[in-house]
C-alpha cells in the first residue's frame, strides 16, 4: 500500500480480527472466517506456517488503528493526567 493510497475501510469486527492476527493472540478457529477472507483479499494478512500473519501492508494498516487505550473512554481523564504529569516532570528535569 503506497503512502498516497488510503487504507481500506474495515468493519469494527474486521479491525478486531486484524488486531488479533497482528498480536498473534488467537488460534485460527477462534477468528471469524469472513473477516479472514476479506483481510486476505485486501492482502492485509497471508497464511504462514503457524497460521495467519500480517503482511507489510497489514502492519501499516494495523498501526493506523486506534489503540486500546484510546478506545477505553472510562479512563480517558486518568490517561490525560498521567501524560500531563509525565510531561511536567520531564520539563522540570531540563
PDB file of N, CA and C in Angstrom:
ATOM      1  N   UNK A   1       0.853  -1.180   0.000  1.00  0.00           N
ATOM      2  CA  UNK A   1       0.000   0.000   0.000  1.00  0.00           C
ATOM      3  C   UNK A   1       0.894   1.237   0.000  1.00  0.00           C
ATOM      4  N   UNK A   2       1.055   1.915  -1.120  1.00  0.00           N
ATOM      5  CA  UNK A   2       1.884   3.113  -1.174  1.00  0.00           C
ATOM      6  C   UNK A   2       1.371   4.184  -0.226  1.00  0.00           C
ATOM      7  N   UNK A   3       2.243   5.121   0.153  1.00  0.00           N
ATOM      8  CA  UNK A   3       1.883   6.159   1.119  1.00  0.00           C
ATOM      9  C   UNK A   3       0.713   7.017   0.680  1.00  0.00           C
ATOM     10  N   UNK A   4       0.543   7.221  -0.634  1.00  0.00           N
ATOM     11  CA  UNK A   4      -0.535   8.075  -1.111  1.00  0.00           C
ATOM     12  C   UNK A   4      -1.864   7.326  -1.202  1.00  0.00           C
ATOM     13  N   UNK A   5      -1.849   6.037  -0.959  1.00  0.00           N
ATOM     14  CA  UNK A   5      -3.055   5.227  -1.031  1.00  0.00           C
ATOM     15  C   UNK A   5      -3.744   5.196   0.324  1.00  0.00           C
ATOM     16  N   UNK A   6      -5.061   5.363   0.331  1.00  0.00           N
ATOM     17  CA  UNK A   6      -5.817   5.339   1.581  1.00  0.00           C
ATOM     18  C   UNK A   6      -5.966   3.905   2.059  1.00  0.00           C
ATOM     19  N   UNK A   7      -5.902   3.693   3.378  1.00  0.00           N
ATOM     20  CA  UNK A   7      -6.096   2.337   3.879  1.00  0.00           C
ATOM     21  C   UNK A   7      -7.522   1.870   3.618  1.00  0.00           C
ATOM     22  N   UNK A   8      -7.699   0.585   3.420  1.00  0.00           N
ATOM     23  CA  UNK A   8      -9.053   0.086   3.161  1.00  0.00           C
ATOM     24  C   UNK A   8      -9.944   0.267   4.378  1.00  0.00           C
ATOM     25  N   UNK A   9     -11.223   0.465   4.106  1.00  0.00           N
ATOM     26  CA  UNK A   9     -12.181   0.582   5.194  1.00  0.00           C
ATOM     27  C   UNK A   9     -12.523  -0.815   5.699  1.00  0.00           C
ATOM     28  N   UNK A  10     -12.427  -0.990   6.987  1.00  0.00           N
ATOM     29  CA  UNK A  10     -12.756  -2.265   7.609  1.00  0.00           C
ATOM     30  C   UNK A  10     -13.899  -2.065   8.584  1.00  0.00           C
ATOM     31  N   UNK A  11     -14.688  -3.097   8.749  1.00  0.00           N
ATOM     32  CA  UNK A  11     -15.726  -3.056   9.774  1.00  0.00           C
ATOM     33  C   UNK A  11     -15.036  -3.167  11.136  1.00  0.00           C
ATOM     34  N   UNK A  12     -15.706  -2.798  12.203  1.00  0.00           N
ATOM     35  CA  UNK A  12     -15.110  -2.970  13.533  1.00  0.00           C
ATOM     36  C   UNK A  12     -14.702  -4.424  13.801  1.00  0.00           C
ATOM     37  N   UNK A  13     -15.485  -5.368  13.327  1.00  0.00           N
ATOM     38  CA  UNK A  13     -15.162  -6.785  13.520  1.00  0.00           C
ATOM     39  C   UNK A  13     -13.890  -7.163  12.775  1.00  0.00           C
ATOM     40  N   UNK A  14     -13.740  -6.639  11.540  1.00  0.00           N
ATOM     41  CA  UNK A  14     -12.539  -6.920  10.750  1.00  0.00           C
ATOM     42  C   UNK A  14     -11.302  -6.291  11.394  1.00  0.00           C
ATOM     43  N   UNK A  15     -11.476  -5.100  11.978  1.00  0.00           N
ATOM     44  CA  UNK A  15     -10.367  -4.465  12.692  1.00  0.00           C
ATOM     45  C   UNK A  15      -9.929  -5.323  13.880  1.00  0.00           C
ATOM     46  N   UNK A  16     -10.902  -5.867  14.601  1.00  0.00           N
ATOM     47  CA  UNK A  16     -10.586  -6.739  15.739  1.00  0.00           C
ATOM     48  C   UNK A  16      -9.816  -7.962  15.262  1.00  0.00           C
ATOM     49  N   UNK A  17     -10.263  -8.556  14.173  1.00  0.00           N
ATOM     50  CA  UNK A  17      -9.576  -9.733  13.629  1.00  0.00           C
ATOM     51  C   UNK A  17      -8.162  -9.370  13.201  1.00  0.00           C
ATOM     52  N   UNK A  18      -7.980  -8.215  12.552  1.00  0.00           N
ATOM     53  CA  UNK A  18      -6.644  -7.786  12.155  1.00  0.00           C
ATOM     54  C   UNK A  18      -5.760  -7.600  13.384  1.00  0.00           C
ATOM     55  N   UNK A  19      -6.296  -6.991  14.434  1.00  0.00           N
ATOM     56  CA  UNK A  19      -5.521  -6.824  15.669  1.00  0.00           C
ATOM     57  C   UNK A  19      -5.116  -8.177  16.244  1.00  0.00           C
ATOM     58  N   UNK A  20      -6.057  -9.110  16.265  1.00  0.00           N
ATOM     59  CA  UNK A  20      -5.767 -10.433  16.827  1.00  0.00           C
ATOM     60  C   UNK A  20      -4.685 -11.153  16.027  1.00  0.00           C
ATOM     61  N   UNK A  21      -4.742 -11.029  14.721  1.00  0.00           N
ATOM     62  CA  UNK A  21      -3.706 -11.641  13.886  1.00  0.00           C
ATOM     63  C   UNK A  21      -2.367 -10.946  14.147  1.00  0.00           C
ATOM     64  N   UNK A  22      -2.386  -9.621  14.204  1.00  0.00           N
ATOM     65  CA  UNK A  22      -1.146  -8.863  14.425  1.00  0.00           C
ATOM     66  C   UNK A  22      -0.500  -9.220  15.756  1.00  0.00           C
ATOM     67  N   UNK A  23      -1.327  -9.415  16.774  1.00  0.00           N
ATOM     68  CA  UNK A  23      -0.801  -9.768  18.093  1.00  0.00           C
ATOM     69  C   UNK A  23      -0.527 -11.262  18.227  1.00  0.00           C
ATOM     70  N   UNK A  24      -1.010 -12.053  17.265  1.00  0.00           N
ATOM     71  CA  UNK A  24      -0.813 -13.493  17.314  1.00  0.00           C
ATOM     72  C   UNK A  24      -1.477 -14.133  18.510  1.00  0.00           C
ATOM     73  N   UNK A  25      -2.589 -13.554  18.947  1.00  0.00           N
ATOM     74  CA  UNK A  25      -3.195 -13.998  20.190  1.00  0.00           C
ATOM     75  C   UNK A  25      -4.352 -14.979  20.025  1.00  0.00           C
ATOM     76  N   UNK A  26      -4.752 -15.271  18.821  1.00  0.00           N
ATOM     77  CA  UNK A  26      -5.894 -16.155  18.636  1.00  0.00           C
ATOM     78  C   UNK A  26      -5.561 -17.267  17.647  1.00  0.00           C
ATOM     79  N   UNK A  27      -6.046 -18.444  17.963  1.00  0.00           N
ATOM     80  CA  UNK A  27      -5.909 -19.544  17.008  1.00  0.00           C
ATOM     81  C   UNK A  27      -6.900 -19.301  15.879  1.00  0.00           C
ATOM     82  N   UNK A  28      -6.593 -19.816  14.711  1.00  0.00           N
ATOM     83  CA  UNK A  28      -7.393 -19.521  13.528  1.00  0.00           C
ATOM     84  C   UNK A  28      -8.852 -19.938  13.703  1.00  0.00           C
ATOM     85  N   UNK A  29      -9.113 -21.022  14.394  1.00  0.00           N
ATOM     86  CA  UNK A  29     -10.512 -21.452  14.550  1.00  0.00           C
ATOM     87  C   UNK A  29     -11.323 -20.496  15.431  1.00  0.00           C
ATOM     88  N   UNK A  30     -10.636 -19.615  16.175  1.00  0.00           N
ATOM     89  CA  UNK A  30     -11.332 -18.647  17.014  1.00  0.00           C
ATOM     90  C   UNK A  30     -11.577 -17.327  16.283  1.00  0.00           C
ATOM     91  N   UNK A  31     -11.061 -17.203  15.072  1.00  0.00           N
ATOM     92  CA  UNK A  31     -11.216 -15.977  14.294  1.00  0.00           C
ATOM     93  C   UNK A  31     -12.365 -16.123  13.305  1.00  0.00           C
ATOM     94  N   UNK A  32     -13.007 -15.021  12.984  1.00  0.00           N
ATOM     95  CA  UNK A  32     -14.144 -15.034  12.062  1.00  0.00           C
ATOM     96  C   UNK A  32     -13.663 -15.330  10.639  1.00  0.00           C
ATOM     97  N   UNK A  33     -14.196 -16.391  10.060  1.00  0.00           N
ATOM     98  CA  UNK A  33     -13.788 -16.829   8.719  1.00  0.00           C
ATOM     99  C   UNK A  33     -14.022 -15.742   7.670  1.00  0.00           C
ATOM    100  N   UNK A  34     -15.156 -15.048   7.753  1.00  0.00           N
ATOM    101  CA  UNK A  34     -15.450 -13.995   6.772  1.00  0.00           C
ATOM    102  C   UNK A  34     -14.439 -12.853   6.880  1.00  0.00           C
ATOM    103  N   UNK A  35     -14.042 -12.529   8.104  1.00  0.00           N
ATOM    104  CA  UNK A  35     -13.049 -11.466   8.298  1.00  0.00           C
ATOM    105  C   UNK A  35     -11.703 -11.884   7.711  1.00  0.00           C
ATOM    106  N   UNK A  36     -11.302 -13.119   7.982  1.00  0.00           N
ATOM    107  CA  UNK A  36     -10.038 -13.617   7.447  1.00  0.00           C
ATOM    108  C   UNK A  36     -10.035 -13.579   5.924  1.00  0.00           C
ATOM    109  N   UNK A  37     -11.157 -13.980   5.334  1.00  0.00           N
ATOM    110  CA  UNK A  37     -11.288 -13.971   3.868  1.00  0.00           C
ATOM    111  C   UNK A  37     -11.102 -12.551   3.331  1.00  0.00           C
ATOM    112  N   UNK A  38     -11.787 -11.587   3.937  1.00  0.00           N
ATOM    113  CA  UNK A  38     -11.694 -10.185   3.482  1.00  0.00           C
ATOM    114  C   UNK A  38     -10.280  -9.646   3.674  1.00  0.00           C
ATOM    115  N   UNK A  39      -9.659  -9.918   4.818  1.00  0.00           N
ATOM    116  CA  UNK A  39      -8.306  -9.429   5.074  1.00  0.00           C
ATOM    117  C   UNK A  39      -7.299 -10.037   4.099  1.00  0.00           C
ATOM    118  N   UNK A  40      -7.536 -11.297   3.712  1.00  0.00           N
ATOM    119  CA  UNK A  40      -6.672 -11.926   2.697  1.00  0.00           C
ATOM    120  C   UNK A  40      -6.880 -11.245   1.341  1.00  0.00           C
ATOM    121  N   UNK A  41      -8.143 -11.001   0.977  1.00  0.00           N
ATOM    122  CA  UNK A  41      -8.442 -10.345  -0.301  1.00  0.00           C
ATOM    123  C   UNK A  41      -7.777  -8.977  -0.382  1.00  0.00           C
ATOM    124  N   UNK A  42      -7.751  -8.262   0.742  1.00  0.00           N
ATOM    125  CA  UNK A  42      -7.131  -6.940   0.786  1.00  0.00           C
ATOM    126  C   UNK A  42      -5.611  -7.012   0.945  1.00  0.00           C
ATOM    127  N   UNK A  43      -5.112  -8.239   1.062  1.00  0.00           N
ATOM    128  CA  UNK A  43      -3.673  -8.500   1.238  1.00  0.00           C
ATOM    129  C   UNK A  43      -3.120  -7.867   2.507  1.00  0.00           C
ATOM    130  N   UNK A  44      -3.960  -7.842   3.550  1.00  0.00           N
ATOM    131  CA  UNK A  44      -3.510  -7.360   4.850  1.00  0.00           C
ATOM    132  C   UNK A  44      -2.956  -8.503   5.694  1.00  0.00           C
ATOM    133  N   UNK A  45      -3.396  -9.730   5.360  1.00  0.00           N
ATOM    134  CA  UNK A  45      -2.856 -10.910   6.017  1.00  0.00           C
ATOM    135  C   UNK A  45      -2.538 -11.958   4.958  1.00  0.00           C
ATOM    136  N   UNK A  46      -1.728 -12.924   5.355  1.00  0.00           N
ATOM    137  CA  UNK A  46      -1.423 -14.059   4.487  1.00  0.00           C
ATOM    138  C   UNK A  46      -1.256 -15.277   5.378  1.00  0.00           C
ATOM    139  N   UNK A  47      -1.316 -16.449   4.772  1.00  0.00           N
ATOM    140  CA  UNK A  47      -1.151 -17.671   5.538  1.00  0.00           C
ATOM    141  C   UNK A  47       0.327 -17.929   5.770  1.00  0.00           C
ATOM    142  N   UNK A  48       0.669 -18.179   7.023  1.00  0.00           N
ATOM    143  CA  UNK A  48       2.033 -18.532   7.391  1.00  0.00           C
ATOM    144  C   UNK A  48       2.055 -19.952   7.916  1.00  0.00           C
ATOM    145  N   UNK A  49       3.221 -20.443   8.260  1.00  0.00           N
ATOM    146  CA  UNK A  49       3.321 -21.830   8.724  1.00  0.00           C
ATOM    147  C   UNK A  49       2.582 -22.054  10.045  1.00  0.00           C
ATOM    148  N   UNK A  50       2.448 -20.998  10.865  1.00  0.00           N
ATOM    149  CA  UNK A  50       1.751 -21.122  12.146  1.00  0.00           C
ATOM    150  C   UNK A  50       0.365 -20.493  12.136  1.00  0.00           C
ATOM    151  N   UNK A  51      -0.160 -20.198  10.960  1.00  0.00           N
ATOM    152  CA  UNK A  51      -1.473 -19.574  10.852  1.00  0.00           C
ATOM    153  C   UNK A  51      -1.376 -18.226  10.171  1.00  0.00           C
ATOM    154  N   UNK A  52      -2.458 -17.449  10.195  1.00  0.00           N
ATOM    155  CA  UNK A  52      -2.442 -16.155   9.503  1.00  0.00           C
ATOM    156  C   UNK A  52      -1.441 -15.198  10.145  1.00  0.00           C
ATOM    157  N   UNK A  53      -0.819 -14.390   9.296  1.00  0.00           N
ATOM    158  CA  UNK A  53       0.102 -13.363   9.774  1.00  0.00           C
ATOM    159  C   UNK A  53      -0.095 -12.115   8.948  1.00  0.00           C
ATOM    160  N   UNK A  54       0.217 -10.970   9.540  1.00  0.00           N
ATOM    161  CA  UNK A  54       0.021  -9.712   8.814  1.00  0.00           C
ATOM    162  C   UNK A  54       1.113  -9.554   7.764  1.00  0.00           C
ATOM    163  N   UNK A  55       0.745  -8.922   6.673  1.00  0.00           N
ATOM    164  CA  UNK A  55       1.693  -8.564   5.621  1.00  0.00           C
ATOM    165  C   UNK A  55       2.275  -7.193   5.973  1.00  0.00           C
ATOM    166  N   UNK A  56       3.192  -6.710   5.167  1.00  0.00           N
ATOM    167  CA  UNK A  56       3.732  -5.363   5.386  1.00  0.00           C
ATOM    168  C   UNK A  56       2.606  -4.327   5.311  1.00  0.00           C
ATOM    169  N   UNK A  57       1.707  -4.491   4.334  1.00  0.00           N
ATOM    170  CA  UNK A  57       0.568  -3.568   4.214  1.00  0.00           C
ATOM    171  C   UNK A  57      -0.356  -3.711   5.412  1.00  0.00           C
ATOM    172  N   UNK A  58      -0.524  -4.934   5.883  1.00  0.00           N
ATOM    173  CA  UNK A  58      -1.357  -5.168   7.058  1.00  0.00           C
ATOM    174  C   UNK A  58      -0.776  -4.528   8.295  1.00  0.00           C
ATOM    175  N   UNK A  59       0.537  -4.569   8.433  1.00  0.00           N
ATOM    176  CA  UNK A  59       1.209  -3.940   9.582  1.00  0.00           C
ATOM    177  C   UNK A  59       1.019  -2.432   9.532  1.00  0.00           C
ATOM    178  N   UNK A  60       1.169  -1.848   8.335  1.00  0.00           N
ATOM    179  CA  UNK A  60       0.962  -0.404   8.205  1.00  0.00           C
ATOM    180  C   UNK A  60      -0.469  -0.029   8.556  1.00  0.00           C
ATOM    181  N   UNK A  61      -1.430  -0.832   8.093  1.00  0.00           N
ATOM    182  CA  UNK A  61      -2.829  -0.535   8.401  1.00  0.00           C
ATOM    183  C   UNK A  61      -3.088  -0.706   9.889  1.00  0.00           C
ATOM    184  N   UNK A  62      -2.545  -1.754  10.478  1.00  0.00           N
ATOM    185  CA  UNK A  62      -2.696  -2.001  11.913  1.00  0.00           C
ATOM    186  C   UNK A  62      -2.202  -0.798  12.719  1.00  0.00           C
ATOM    187  N   UNK A  63      -1.096  -0.209  12.294  1.00  0.00           N
ATOM    188  CA  UNK A  63      -0.534   0.944  13.002  1.00  0.00           C
ATOM    189  C   UNK A  63      -1.447   2.167  12.954  1.00  0.00           C
ATOM    190  N   UNK A  64      -2.354   2.227  11.973  1.00  0.00           N
ATOM    191  CA  UNK A  64      -3.275   3.372  11.877  1.00  0.00           C
ATOM    192  C   UNK A  64      -4.522   3.189  12.733  1.00  0.00           C
ATOM    193  N   UNK A  65      -4.760   1.973  13.220  1.00  0.00           N
ATOM    194  CA  UNK A  65      -5.959   1.708  14.010  1.00  0.00           C
ATOM    195  C   UNK A  65      -5.845   2.343  15.392  1.00  0.00           C
ATOM    196  N   UNK A  66      -6.975   2.772  15.949  1.00  0.00           N
ATOM    197  CA  UNK A  66      -6.931   3.320  17.309  1.00  0.00           C
ATOM    198  C   UNK A  66      -6.409   2.266  18.273  1.00  0.00           C
ATOM    199  N   UNK A  67      -5.591   2.700  19.213  1.00  0.00           N
ATOM    200  CA  UNK A  67      -5.052   1.789  20.208  1.00  0.00           C
ATOM    201  C   UNK A  67      -6.087   1.562  21.303  1.00  0.00           C
ATOM    202  N   UNK A  68      -5.949   0.470  22.002  1.00  0.00           N
ATOM    203  CA  UNK A  68      -6.921   0.079  23.023  1.00  0.00           C
ATOM    204  C   UNK A  68      -7.113   1.167  24.068  1.00  0.00           C
ATOM    205  N   UNK A  69      -6.052   1.855  24.470  1.00  0.00           N
ATOM    206  CA  UNK A  69      -6.202   2.891  25.488  1.00  0.00           C
ATOM    207  C   UNK A  69      -7.049   4.050  24.991  1.00  0.00           C
ATOM    208  N   UNK A  70      -6.980   4.339  23.691  1.00  0.00           N
ATOM    209  CA  UNK A  70      -7.792   5.436  23.171  1.00  0.00           C
ATOM    210  C   UNK A  70      -9.242   5.014  22.981  1.00  0.00           C
ATOM    211  N   UNK A  71      -9.517   3.712  22.986  1.00  0.00           N
ATOM    212  CA  UNK A  71     -10.884   3.232  22.860  1.00  0.00           C
ATOM    213  C   UNK A  71     -11.588   3.150  24.203  1.00  0.00           C
ATOM    214  N   UNK A  72     -10.834   3.094  25.292  1.00  0.00           N
ATOM    215  CA  UNK A  72     -11.397   2.966  26.631  1.00  0.00           C
ATOM    216  C   UNK A  72     -11.714   4.350  27.163  1.00  0.00           C
ATOM    217  N   UNK A  73     -12.967   4.743  27.070  1.00  0.00           N
ATOM    218  CA  UNK A  73     -13.370   6.083  27.492  1.00  0.00           C
ATOM    219  C   UNK A  73     -13.450   6.216  29.013  1.00  0.00           C
ATOM    220  N   UNK A  74     -13.497   5.123  29.735  1.00  0.00           N
ATOM    221  CA  UNK A  74     -13.645   5.162  31.182  1.00  0.00           C
ATOM    222  C   UNK A  74     -12.449   5.752  31.900  1.00  0.00           C
ATOM    223  N   UNK A  75     -11.262   5.649  31.329  1.00  0.00           N
ATOM    224  CA  UNK A  75     -10.065   6.139  31.985  1.00  0.00           C
ATOM    225  C   UNK A  75      -9.379   7.251  31.198  1.00  0.00           C
ATOM    226  N   UNK A  76     -10.110   7.884  30.300  1.00  0.00           N
ATOM    227  CA  UNK A  76      -9.507   8.902  29.442  1.00  0.00           C
ATOM    228  C   UNK A  76      -8.929  10.044  30.265  1.00  0.00           C
ATOM    229  N   UNK A  77      -9.621  10.476  31.313  1.00  0.00           N
ATOM    230  CA  UNK A  77      -9.122  11.547  32.174  1.00  0.00           C
ATOM    231  C   UNK A  77      -7.862  11.129  32.894  1.00  0.00           C
ATOM    232  N   UNK A  78      -7.813   9.893  33.360  1.00  0.00           N
ATOM    233  CA  UNK A  78      -6.615   9.378  34.030  1.00  0.00           C
ATOM    234  C   UNK A  78      -5.433   9.384  33.078  1.00  0.00           C
ATOM    235  N   UNK A  79      -5.646   8.962  31.836  1.00  0.00           N
ATOM    236  CA  UNK A  79      -4.570   8.947  30.855  1.00  0.00           C
ATOM    237  C   UNK A  79      -4.052  10.356  30.592  1.00  0.00           C
ATOM    238  N   UNK A  80      -4.953  11.315  30.518  1.00  0.00           N
ATOM    239  CA  UNK A  80      -4.570  12.700  30.284  1.00  0.00           C
ATOM    240  C   UNK A  80      -3.741  13.212  31.452  1.00  0.00           C
ATOM    241  N   UNK A  81      -4.188  12.942  32.673  1.00  0.00           N
ATOM    242  CA  UNK A  81      -3.462  13.393  33.849  1.00  0.00           C
ATOM    243  C   UNK A  81      -2.085  12.734  33.934  1.00  0.00           C
ATOM    244  N   UNK A  82      -2.008  11.454  33.617  1.00  0.00           N
ATOM    245  CA  UNK A  82      -0.731  10.758  33.632  1.00  0.00           C
ATOM    246  C   UNK A  82       0.223  11.378  32.620  1.00  0.00           C
ATOM    247  N   UNK A  83      -0.272  11.641  31.433  1.00  0.00           N
ATOM    248  CA  UNK A  83       0.559  12.258  30.390  1.00  0.00           C
ATOM    249  C   UNK A  83       1.023  13.647  30.799  1.00  0.00           C
ATOM    250  N   UNK A  84       0.115  14.424  31.360  1.00  0.00           N
ATOM    251  CA  UNK A  84       0.474  15.783  31.773  1.00  0.00           C
ATOM    252  C   UNK A  84       1.502  15.755  32.900  1.00  0.00           C
ATOM    253  N   UNK A  85       1.340  14.848  33.847  1.00  0.00           N
ATOM    254  CA  UNK A  85       2.297  14.733  34.945  1.00  0.00           C
ATOM    255  C   UNK A  85       3.668  14.346  34.424  1.00  0.00           C
ATOM    256  N   UNK A  86       3.713  13.384  33.502  1.00  0.00           N
ATOM    257  CA  UNK A  86       4.984  12.957  32.920  1.00  0.00           C
ATOM    258  C   UNK A  86       5.648  14.124  32.183  1.00  0.00           C
ATOM    259  N   UNK A  87       4.883  14.872  31.412  1.00  0.00           N
ATOM    260  CA  UNK A  87       5.445  15.994  30.661  1.00  0.00           C
ATOM    261  C   UNK A  87       5.982  17.058  31.617  1.00  0.00           C
ATOM    262  N   UNK A  88       5.265  17.323  32.709  1.00  0.00           N
ATOM    263  CA  UNK A  88       5.702  18.304  33.677  1.00  0.00           C
ATOM    264  C   UNK A  88       7.008  17.870  34.338  1.00  0.00           C
ATOM    265  N   UNK A  89       7.117  16.596  34.689  1.00  0.00           N
ATOM    266  CA  UNK A  89       8.352  16.086  35.290  1.00  0.00           C
ATOM    267  C   UNK A  89       9.514  16.191  34.324  1.00  0.00           C
ATOM    268  N   UNK A  90       9.278  15.877  33.049  1.00  0.00           N
ATOM    269  CA  UNK A  90      10.333  15.973  32.050  1.00  0.00           C
ATOM    270  C   UNK A  90      10.772  17.427  31.848  1.00  0.00           C
ATOM    271  N   UNK A  91       9.820  18.349  31.871  1.00  0.00           N
ATOM    272  CA  UNK A  91      10.135  19.764  31.703  1.00  0.00           C
ATOM    273  C   UNK A  91      10.958  20.272  32.882  1.00  0.00           C
ATOM    274  N   UNK A  92      10.663  19.803  34.081  1.00  0.00           N
ATOM    275  CA  UNK A  92      11.415  20.238  35.268  1.00  0.00           C
ATOM    276  C   UNK A  92      12.838  19.713  35.259  1.00  0.00           C
ATOM    277  N   UNK A  93      13.074  18.567  34.605  1.00  0.00           N
ATOM    278  CA  UNK A  93      14.414  17.988  34.538  1.00  0.00           C
ATOM    279  C   UNK A  93      15.333  18.814  33.653  1.00  0.00           C
ATOM    280  N   UNK A  94      14.769  19.505  32.637  1.00  0.00           N
ATOM    281  CA  UNK A  94      15.620  20.224  31.690  1.00  0.00           C
ATOM    282  C   UNK A  94      16.026  21.581  32.161  1.00  0.00           C
TER     283      UNK A  94
END
